[in-house]
Amino acid sequence: MDFQSFKKTLKKCNLTIKEFAKICGLNPNSISTSWKSKNEVPQWVDSWLQNYIKAKTLDNVKDVVCDDEDKASNTSTDKSSPANKNDK
């Protein structure tokens, strides 16, 4: 992965170099200086970023599914529904 591809992928992840460095425990200056000057990013970064994207996507799906389940359970336990009035 070259440095430009790295920056594009970071943008797709909604991350800055500084945020990426913090998450990975790296010095942001070394990323900007060393990686950029060599125009080469360590091999592990590409797979790390792809896994980050997948994890964020799954988190978003989980949030939607759990929100839908919460709405459904609130509807089914609604005390004002006609089905629940006969239970008293």
PDB file of N, CA and C in Angstrom:
ATOM      1  N   MET A   1       0.862  -1.171   0.000  1.00  0.00           N
ATOM      2  CA  MET A   1       0.000   0.000   0.000  1.00  0.00           C
ATOM      3  C   MET A   1       0.908   1.232   0.000  1.00  0.00           C
ATOM      4  N   ASP A   2       0.621   2.149  -0.913  1.00  0.00           N
ATOM      5  CA  ASP A   2       1.383   3.393  -0.914  1.00  0.00           C
ATOM      6  C   ASP A   2       0.714   4.399   0.020  1.00  0.00           C
ATOM      7  N   PHE A   3       1.382   5.515   0.257  1.00  0.00           N
ATOM      8  CA  PHE A   3       0.907   6.487   1.236  1.00  0.00           C
ATOM      9  C   PHE A   3      -0.417   7.120   0.812  1.00  0.00           C
ATOM     10  N   GLN A   4      -0.607   7.378  -0.472  1.00  0.00           N
ATOM     11  CA  GLN A   4      -1.859   7.967  -0.954  1.00  0.00           C
ATOM     12  C   GLN A   4      -3.032   7.015  -0.712  1.00  0.00           C
ATOM     13  N   SER A   5      -2.834   5.737  -0.975  1.00  0.00           N
ATOM     14  CA  SER A   5      -3.891   4.738  -0.715  1.00  0.00           C
ATOM     15  C   SER A   5      -4.205   4.673   0.771  1.00  0.00           C
ATOM     16  N   PHE A   6      -3.172   4.763   1.572  1.00  0.00           N
ATOM     17  CA  PHE A   6      -3.338   4.775   3.026  1.00  0.00           C
ATOM     18  C   PHE A   6      -4.226   5.951   3.445  1.00  0.00           C
ATOM     19  N   LYS A   7      -3.929   7.136   2.943  1.00  0.00           N
ATOM     20  CA  LYS A   7      -4.717   8.315   3.290  1.00  0.00           C
ATOM     21  C   LYS A   7      -6.163   8.189   2.814  1.00  0.00           C
ATOM     22  N   LYS A   8      -6.370   7.618   1.626  1.00  0.00           N
ATOM     23  CA  LYS A   8      -7.739   7.421   1.116  1.00  0.00           C
ATOM     24  C   LYS A   8      -8.512   6.447   2.002  1.00  0.00           C
ATOM     25  N   THR A   9      -7.832   5.383   2.408  1.00  0.00           N
ATOM     26  CA  THR A   9      -8.492   4.387   3.259  1.00  0.00           C
ATOM     27  C   THR A   9      -8.786   4.970   4.634  1.00  0.00           C
ATOM     28  N   LEU A  10      -7.863   5.770   5.152  1.00  0.00           N
ATOM     29  CA  LEU A  10      -8.132   6.449   6.423  1.00  0.00           C
ATOM     30  C   LEU A  10      -9.377   7.321   6.324  1.00  0.00           C
ATOM     31  N   LYS A  11      -9.493   8.027   5.215  1.00  0.00           N
ATOM     32  CA  LYS A  11     -10.657   8.893   5.004  1.00  0.00           C
ATOM     33  C   LYS A  11     -11.943   8.065   4.986  1.00  0.00           C
ATOM     34  N   LYS A  12     -11.888   6.904   4.329  1.00  0.00           N
ATOM     35  CA  LYS A  12     -13.041   5.996   4.293  1.00  0.00           C
ATOM     36  C   LYS A  12     -13.423   5.541   5.702  1.00  0.00           C
ATOM     37  N   CYS A  13     -12.402   5.425   6.570  1.00  0.00           N
ATOM     38  CA  CYS A  13     -12.623   5.013   7.961  1.00  0.00           C
ATOM     39  C   CYS A  13     -13.018   6.180   8.861  1.00  0.00           C
ATOM     40  N   ASN A  14     -13.051   7.377   8.293  1.00  0.00           N
ATOM     41  CA  ASN A  14     -13.288   8.596   9.084  1.00  0.00           C
ATOM     42  C   ASN A  14     -12.246   8.766  10.188  1.00  0.00           C
ATOM     43  N   LEU A  15     -10.991   8.462   9.845  1.00  0.00           N
ATOM     44  CA  LEU A  15      -9.881   8.614  10.779  1.00  0.00           C
ATOM     45  C   LEU A  15      -8.856   9.585  10.221  1.00  0.00           C
ATOM     46  N   THR A  16      -8.213  10.315  11.115  1.00  0.00           N
ATOM     47  CA  THR A  16      -7.060  11.114  10.735  1.00  0.00           C
ATOM     48  C   THR A  16      -5.810  10.293  11.028  1.00  0.00           C
ATOM     49  N   ILE A  17      -4.686  10.764  10.530  1.00  0.00           N
ATOM     50  CA  ILE A  17      -3.424  10.070  10.841  1.00  0.00           C
ATOM     51  C   ILE A  17      -3.198  10.083  12.351  1.00  0.00           C
ATOM     52  N   LYS A  18      -3.507  11.190  12.980  1.00  0.00           N
ATOM     53  CA  LYS A  18      -3.321  11.310  14.428  1.00  0.00           C
ATOM     54  C   LYS A  18      -4.200  10.306  15.188  1.00  0.00           C
ATOM     55  N   GLU A  19      -5.460  10.170  14.777  1.00  0.00           N
ATOM     56  CA  GLU A  19      -6.361   9.214  15.436  1.00  0.00           C
ATOM     57  C   GLU A  19      -5.899   7.778  15.207  1.00  0.00           C
ATOM     58  N   PHE A  20      -5.507   7.471  13.956  1.00  0.00           N
ATOM     59  CA  PHE A  20      -4.998   6.139  13.643  1.00  0.00           C
ATOM     60  C   PHE A  20      -3.774   5.825  14.500  1.00  0.00           C
ATOM     61  N   ALA A  21      -2.861   6.776  14.594  1.00  0.00           N
ATOM     62  CA  ALA A  21      -1.646   6.576  15.383  1.00  0.00           C
ATOM     63  C   ALA A  21      -1.972   6.318  16.847  1.00  0.00           C
ATOM     64  N   LYS A  22      -2.918   7.066  17.379  1.00  0.00           N
ATOM     65  CA  LYS A  22      -3.293   6.890  18.788  1.00  0.00           C
ATOM     66  C   LYS A  22      -3.879   5.501  19.022  1.00  0.00           C
ATOM     67  N   ILE A  23      -4.778   5.069  18.147  1.00  0.00           N
ATOM     68  CA  ILE A  23      -5.404   3.752  18.287  1.00  0.00           C
ATOM     69  C   ILE A  23      -4.347   2.646  18.234  1.00  0.00           C
ATOM     70  N   CYS A  24      -3.373   2.807  17.342  1.00  0.00           N
ATOM     71  CA  CYS A  24      -2.352   1.768  17.129  1.00  0.00           C
ATOM     72  C   CYS A  24      -1.130   1.929  18.015  1.00  0.00           C
ATOM     73  N   GLY A  25      -1.089   2.980  18.811  1.00  0.00           N
ATOM     74  CA  GLY A  25       0.057   3.201  19.683  1.00  0.00           C
ATOM     75  C   GLY A  25       1.309   3.617  18.923  1.00  0.00           C
ATOM     76  N   LEU A  26       1.116   4.374  17.853  1.00  0.00           N
ATOM     77  CA  LEU A  26       2.233   4.829  17.034  1.00  0.00           C
ATOM     78  C   LEU A  26       2.423   6.332  17.186  1.00  0.00           C
ATOM     79  N   ASN A  27       3.600   6.796  16.802  1.00  0.00           N
ATOM     80  CA  ASN A  27       3.882   8.217  16.790  1.00  0.00           C
ATOM     81  C   ASN A  27       3.369   8.791  15.471  1.00  0.00           C
ATOM     82  N   PRO A  28       2.441   9.748  15.522  1.00  0.00           N
ATOM     83  CA  PRO A  28       1.899  10.295  14.275  1.00  0.00           C
ATOM     84  C   PRO A  28       2.975  10.948  13.402  1.00  0.00           C
ATOM     85  N   ASN A  29       4.009  11.486  14.024  1.00  0.00           N
ATOM     86  CA  ASN A  29       5.086  12.103  13.250  1.00  0.00           C
ATOM     87  C   ASN A  29       5.856  11.071  12.435  1.00  0.00           C
ATOM     88  N   SER A  30       6.037   9.885  12.989  1.00  0.00           N
ATOM     89  CA  SER A  30       6.759   8.857  12.232  1.00  0.00           C
ATOM     90  C   SER A  30       5.940   8.378  11.037  1.00  0.00           C
ATOM     91  N   ILE A  31       4.614   8.367  11.191  1.00  0.00           N
ATOM     92  CA  ILE A  31       3.756   7.991  10.067  1.00  0.00           C
ATOM     93  C   ILE A  31       3.874   9.045   8.967  1.00  0.00           C
ATOM     94  N   SER A  32       3.718  10.287   9.354  1.00  0.00           N
ATOM     95  CA  SER A  32       3.764  11.363   8.370  1.00  0.00           C
ATOM     96  C   SER A  32       5.144  11.508   7.742  1.00  0.00           C
ATOM     97  N   THR A  33       6.192  11.295   8.522  1.00  0.00           N
ATOM     98  CA  THR A  33       7.539  11.496   8.001  1.00  0.00           C
ATOM     99  C   THR A  33       8.070  10.260   7.297  1.00  0.00           C
ATOM    100  N   SER A  34       8.152   9.167   8.014  1.00  0.00           N
ATOM    101  CA  SER A  34       8.785   7.959   7.480  1.00  0.00           C
ATOM    102  C   SER A  34       7.956   7.302   6.376  1.00  0.00           C
ATOM    103  N   TRP A  35       6.692   7.047   6.648  1.00  0.00           N
ATOM    104  CA  TRP A  35       5.849   6.360   5.677  1.00  0.00           C
ATOM    105  C   TRP A  35       5.674   7.205   4.426  1.00  0.00           C
ATOM    106  N   LYS A  36       5.491   8.504   4.640  1.00  0.00           N
ATOM    107  CA  LYS A  36       5.267   9.391   3.502  1.00  0.00           C
ATOM    108  C   LYS A  36       6.525   9.509   2.642  1.00  0.00           C
ATOM    109  N   SER A  37       7.682   9.654   3.278  1.00  0.00           N
ATOM    110  CA  SER A  37       8.927   9.817   2.509  1.00  0.00           C
ATOM    111  C   SER A  37       9.280   8.557   1.727  1.00  0.00           C
ATOM    112  N   LYS A  38       9.003   7.406   2.299  1.00  0.00           N
ATOM    113  CA  LYS A  38       9.267   6.131   1.604  1.00  0.00           C
ATOM    114  C   LYS A  38       8.154   5.794   0.618  1.00  0.00           C
ATOM    115  N   ASN A  39       6.998   6.476   0.776  1.00  0.00           N
ATOM    116  CA  ASN A  39       5.788   6.171   0.015  1.00  0.00           C
ATOM    117  C   ASN A  39       5.433   4.688   0.127  1.00  0.00           C
ATOM    118  N   GLU A  40       5.671   4.171   1.320  1.00  0.00           N
ATOM    119  CA  GLU A  40       5.388   2.761   1.596  1.00  0.00           C
ATOM    120  C   GLU A  40       4.860   2.642   3.020  1.00  0.00           C
ATOM    121  N   VAL A  41       3.768   1.952   3.147  1.00  0.00           N
ATOM    122  CA  VAL A  41       3.120   1.747   4.439  1.00  0.00           C
ATOM    123  C   VAL A  41       3.360   0.295   4.848  1.00  0.00           C
ATOM    124  N   PRO A  42       3.641   0.042   6.143  1.00  0.00           N
ATOM    125  CA  PRO A  42       3.861  -1.348   6.571  1.00  0.00           C
ATOM    126  C   PRO A  42       2.721  -2.266   6.134  1.00  0.00           C
ATOM    127  N   GLN A  43       3.084  -3.490   5.861  1.00  0.00           N
ATOM    128  CA  GLN A  43       2.142  -4.463   5.290  1.00  0.00           C
ATOM    129  C   GLN A  43       0.921  -4.703   6.164  1.00  0.00           C
ATOM    130  N   TRP A  44       1.066  -4.681   7.467  1.00  0.00           N
ATOM    131  CA  TRP A  44      -0.029  -4.985   8.382  1.00  0.00           C
ATOM    132  C   TRP A  44      -1.131  -3.928   8.350  1.00  0.00           C
ATOM    133  N   VAL A  45      -0.818  -2.715   7.918  1.00  0.00           N
ATOM    134  CA  VAL A  45      -1.767  -1.603   7.996  1.00  0.00           C
ATOM    135  C   VAL A  45      -2.994  -1.840   7.122  1.00  0.00           C
ATOM    136  N   ASP A  46      -2.796  -2.353   5.930  1.00  0.00           N
ATOM    137  CA  ASP A  46      -3.930  -2.579   5.025  1.00  0.00           C
ATOM    138  C   ASP A  46      -4.946  -3.526   5.645  1.00  0.00           C
ATOM    139  N   SER A  47      -4.499  -4.658   6.162  1.00  0.00           N
ATOM    140  CA  SER A  47      -5.453  -5.605   6.759  1.00  0.00           C
ATOM    141  C   SER A  47      -6.067  -5.031   8.034  1.00  0.00           C
ATOM    142  N   TRP A  48      -5.292  -4.260   8.785  1.00  0.00           N
ATOM    143  CA  TRP A  48      -5.821  -3.630   9.992  1.00  0.00           C
ATOM    144  C   TRP A  48      -6.955  -2.685   9.630  1.00  0.00           C
ATOM    145  N   LEU A  49      -6.752  -1.873   8.608  1.00  0.00           N
ATOM    146  CA  LEU A  49      -7.780  -0.924   8.186  1.00  0.00           C
ATOM    147  C   LEU A  49      -9.014  -1.636   7.631  1.00  0.00           C
ATOM    148  N   GLN A  50      -8.821  -2.711   6.894  1.00  0.00           N
ATOM    149  CA  GLN A  50      -9.963  -3.470   6.370  1.00  0.00           C
ATOM    150  C   GLN A  50     -10.772  -4.072   7.523  1.00  0.00           C
ATOM    151  N   ASN A  51     -10.077  -4.578   8.533  1.00  0.00           N
ATOM    152  CA  ASN A  51     -10.781  -5.118   9.703  1.00  0.00           C
ATOM    153  C   ASN A  51     -11.488  -4.010  10.489  1.00  0.00           C
ATOM    154  N   TYR A  52     -10.894  -2.838  10.545  1.00  0.00           N
ATOM    155  CA  TYR A  52     -11.518  -1.692  11.207  1.00  0.00           C
ATOM    156  C   TYR A  52     -12.831  -1.331  10.507  1.00  0.00           C
ATOM    157  N   ILE A  53     -12.794  -1.304   9.188  1.00  0.00           N
ATOM    158  CA  ILE A  53     -14.002  -0.989   8.410  1.00  0.00           C
ATOM    159  C   ILE A  53     -15.084  -2.038   8.667  1.00  0.00           C
ATOM    160  N   LYS A  54     -14.708  -3.308   8.664  1.00  0.00           N
ATOM    161  CA  LYS A  54     -15.679  -4.381   8.922  1.00  0.00           C
ATOM    162  C   LYS A  54     -16.262  -4.271  10.324  1.00  0.00           C
ATOM    163  N   ALA A  55     -15.415  -3.981  11.296  1.00  0.00           N
ATOM    164  CA  ALA A  55     -15.891  -3.867  12.679  1.00  0.00           C
ATOM    165  C   ALA A  55     -16.869  -2.711  12.824  1.00  0.00           C
ATOM    166  N   LYS A  56     -16.564  -1.581  12.206  1.00  0.00           N
ATOM    167  CA  LYS A  56     -17.470  -0.432  12.264  1.00  0.00           C
ATOM    168  C   LYS A  56     -18.798  -0.761  11.584  1.00  0.00           C
ATOM    169  N   THR A  57     -18.744  -1.463  10.464  1.00  0.00           N
ATOM    170  CA  THR A  57     -19.961  -1.849   9.749  1.00  0.00           C
ATOM    171  C   THR A  57     -20.810  -2.774  10.617  1.00  0.00           C
ATOM    172  N   LEU A  58     -20.173  -3.758  11.239  1.00  0.00           N
ATOM    173  CA  LEU A  58     -20.909  -4.683  12.104  1.00  0.00           C
ATOM    174  C   LEU A  58     -21.492  -3.968  13.318  1.00  0.00           C
ATOM    175  N   ASP A  59     -20.755  -3.009  13.867  1.00  0.00           N
ATOM    176  CA  ASP A  59     -21.288  -2.219  14.984  1.00  0.00           C
ATOM    177  C   ASP A  59     -22.536  -1.461  14.554  1.00  0.00           C
ATOM    178  N   ASN A  60     -22.505  -0.897  13.358  1.00  0.00           N
ATOM    179  CA  ASN A  60     -23.665  -0.162  12.856  1.00  0.00           C
ATOM    180  C   ASN A  60     -24.860  -1.091  12.657  1.00  0.00           C
ATOM    181  N   VAL A  61     -24.621  -2.272  12.119  1.00  0.00           N
ATOM    182  CA  VAL A  61     -25.697  -3.253  11.921  1.00  0.00           C
ATOM    183  C   VAL A  61     -26.266  -3.667  13.275  1.00  0.00           C
ATOM    184  N   LYS A  62     -25.379  -3.933  14.229  1.00  0.00           N
ATOM    185  CA  LYS A  62     -25.815  -4.336  15.566  1.00  0.00           C
ATOM    186  C   LYS A  62     -26.687  -3.248  16.195  1.00  0.00           C
ATOM    187  N   ASP A  63     -26.277  -2.003  16.051  1.00  0.00           N
ATOM    188  CA  ASP A  63     -27.057  -0.894  16.609  1.00  0.00           C
ATOM    189  C   ASP A  63     -28.452  -0.832  15.999  1.00  0.00           C
ATOM    190  N   VAL A  64     -28.555  -1.032  14.698  1.00  0.00           N
ATOM    191  CA  VAL A  64     -29.851  -0.998  14.029  1.00  0.00           C
ATOM    192  C   VAL A  64     -30.712  -2.173  14.484  1.00  0.00           C
ATOM    193  N   VAL A  65     -30.141  -3.370  14.519  1.00  0.00           N
ATOM    194  CA  VAL A  65     -30.888  -4.565  14.912  1.00  0.00           C
ATOM    195  C   VAL A  65     -31.338  -4.461  16.360  1.00  0.00           C
ATOM    196  N   CYS A  66     -30.444  -4.052  17.243  1.00  0.00           N
ATOM    197  CA  CYS A  66     -30.816  -3.934  18.656  1.00  0.00           C
ATOM    198  C   CYS A  66     -31.865  -2.857  18.862  1.00  0.00           C
ATOM    199  N   ASP A  67     -31.759  -1.762  18.122  1.00  0.00           N
ATOM    200  CA  ASP A  67     -32.754  -0.696  18.215  1.00  0.00           C
ATOM    201  C   ASP A  67     -34.117  -1.208  17.755  1.00  0.00           C
ATOM    202  N   ASP A  68     -34.129  -1.978  16.662  1.00  0.00           N
ATOM    203  CA  ASP A  68     -35.383  -2.548  16.167  1.00  0.00           C
ATOM    204  C   ASP A  68     -35.968  -3.533  17.178  1.00  0.00           C
ATOM    205  N   GLU A  69     -35.119  -4.332  17.815  1.00  0.00           N
ATOM    206  CA  GLU A  69     -35.595  -5.288  18.822  1.00  0.00           C
ATOM    207  C   GLU A  69     -36.165  -4.562  20.032  1.00  0.00           C
ATOM    208  N   ASP A  70     -35.514  -3.474  20.432  1.00  0.00           N
ATOM    209  CA  ASP A  70     -36.022  -2.685  21.564  1.00  0.00           C
ATOM    210  C   ASP A  70     -37.387  -2.107  21.248  1.00  0.00           C
ATOM    211  N   LYS A  71     -37.545  -1.591  20.036  1.00  0.00           N
ATOM    212  CA  LYS A  71     -38.837  -1.030  19.633  1.00  0.00           C
ATOM    213  C   LYS A  71     -39.898  -2.123  19.614  1.00  0.00           C
ATOM    214  N   ALA A  72     -39.557  -3.303  19.114  1.00  0.00           N
ATOM    215  CA  ALA A  72     -40.509  -4.409  19.038  1.00  0.00           C
ATOM    216  C   ALA A  72     -40.896  -4.886  20.435  1.00  0.00           C
ATOM    217  N   SER A  73     -39.937  -4.978  21.343  1.00  0.00           N
ATOM    218  CA  SER A  73     -40.262  -5.446  22.692  1.00  0.00           C
ATOM    219  C   SER A  73     -41.083  -4.411  23.451  1.00  0.00           C
ATOM    220  N   ASN A  74     -40.846  -3.140  23.191  1.00  0.00           N
ATOM    221  CA  ASN A  74     -41.662  -2.099  23.828  1.00  0.00           C
ATOM    222  C   ASN A  74     -43.090  -2.139  23.321  1.00  0.00           C
ATOM    223  N   THR A  75     -43.282  -2.451  22.071  1.00  0.00           N
ATOM    224  CA  THR A  75     -44.615  -2.549  21.491  1.00  0.00           C
ATOM    225  C   THR A  75     -45.352  -3.758  22.058  1.00  0.00           C
ATOM    226  N   SER A  76     -44.661  -4.874  22.212  1.00  0.00           N
ATOM    227  CA  SER A  76     -45.320  -6.092  22.683  1.00  0.00           C
ATOM    228  C   SER A  76     -45.632  -6.037  24.170  1.00  0.00           C
ATOM    229  N   THR A  77     -44.966  -5.183  24.937  1.00  0.00           N
ATOM    230  CA  THR A  77     -45.251  -5.081  26.369  1.00  0.00           C
ATOM    231  C   THR A  77     -46.089  -3.862  26.690  1.00  0.00           C
ATOM    232  N   ASP A  78     -46.638  -3.239  25.690  1.00  0.00           N
ATOM    233  CA  ASP A  78     -47.480  -2.063  25.883  1.00  0.00           C
ATOM    234  C   ASP A  78     -48.746  -2.465  26.638  1.00  0.00           C
ATOM    235  N   LYS A  79     -48.958  -1.891  27.815  1.00  0.00           N
ATOM    236  CA  LYS A  79     -50.097  -2.253  28.673  1.00  0.00           C
ATOM    237  C   LYS A  79     -51.433  -1.786  28.096  1.00  0.00           C
ATOM    238  N   SER A  80     -51.389  -0.861  27.168  1.00  0.00           N
ATOM    239  CA  SER A  80     -52.640  -0.343  26.624  1.00  0.00           C
ATOM    240  C   SER A  80     -53.148  -1.146  25.430  1.00  0.00           C
ATOM    241  N   SER A  81     -52.405  -2.148  25.030  1.00  0.00           N
ATOM    242  CA  SER A  81     -52.857  -2.919  23.872  1.00  0.00           C
ATOM    243  C   SER A  81     -54.049  -3.789  24.267  1.00  0.00           C
ATOM    244  N   PRO A  82     -54.981  -4.021  23.353  1.00  0.00           N
ATOM    245  CA  PRO A  82     -56.194  -4.808  23.644  1.00  0.00           C
ATOM    246  C   PRO A  82     -55.882  -6.220  24.125  1.00  0.00           C
ATOM    247  N   ALA A  83     -54.840  -6.833  23.635  1.00  0.00           N
ATOM    248  CA  ALA A  83     -54.519  -8.196  24.046  1.00  0.00           C
ATOM    249  C   ALA A  83     -54.162  -8.263  25.515  1.00  0.00           C
ATOM    250  N   ASN A  84     -53.528  -7.239  26.036  1.00  0.00           N
ATOM    251  CA  ASN A  84     -53.118  -7.241  27.420  1.00  0.00           C
ATOM    252  C   ASN A  84     -54.250  -6.868  28.370  1.00  0.00           C
ATOM    253  N   LYS A  85     -55.321  -6.246  27.902  1.00  0.00           N
ATOM    254  CA  LYS A  85     -56.447  -5.874  28.765  1.00  0.00           C
ATOM    255  C   LYS A  85     -57.181  -7.096  29.267  1.00  0.00           C
ATOM    256  N   ASN A  86     -57.215  -8.171  28.494  1.00  0.00           N
ATOM    257  CA  ASN A  86     -57.903  -9.398  28.908  1.00  0.00           C
ATOM    258  C   ASN A  86     -57.109 -10.174  29.939  1.00  0.00           C
ATOM    259  N   ASP A  87     -55.819  -9.844  30.091  1.00  0.00           N
ATOM    260  CA  ASP A  87     -54.961 -10.576  31.026  1.00  0.00           C
ATOM    261  C   ASP A  87     -55.234 -10.207  32.468  1.00  0.00           C
ATOM    262  N   LYS A  88     -55.939  -9.137  32.725  1.00  0.00           N
ATOM    263  CA  LYS A  88     -56.119  -8.641  34.101  1.00  0.00           C
ATOM    264  C   LYS A  88     -57.107  -9.428  34.877  1.00  0.00           C
TER     265      LYS A  88
END
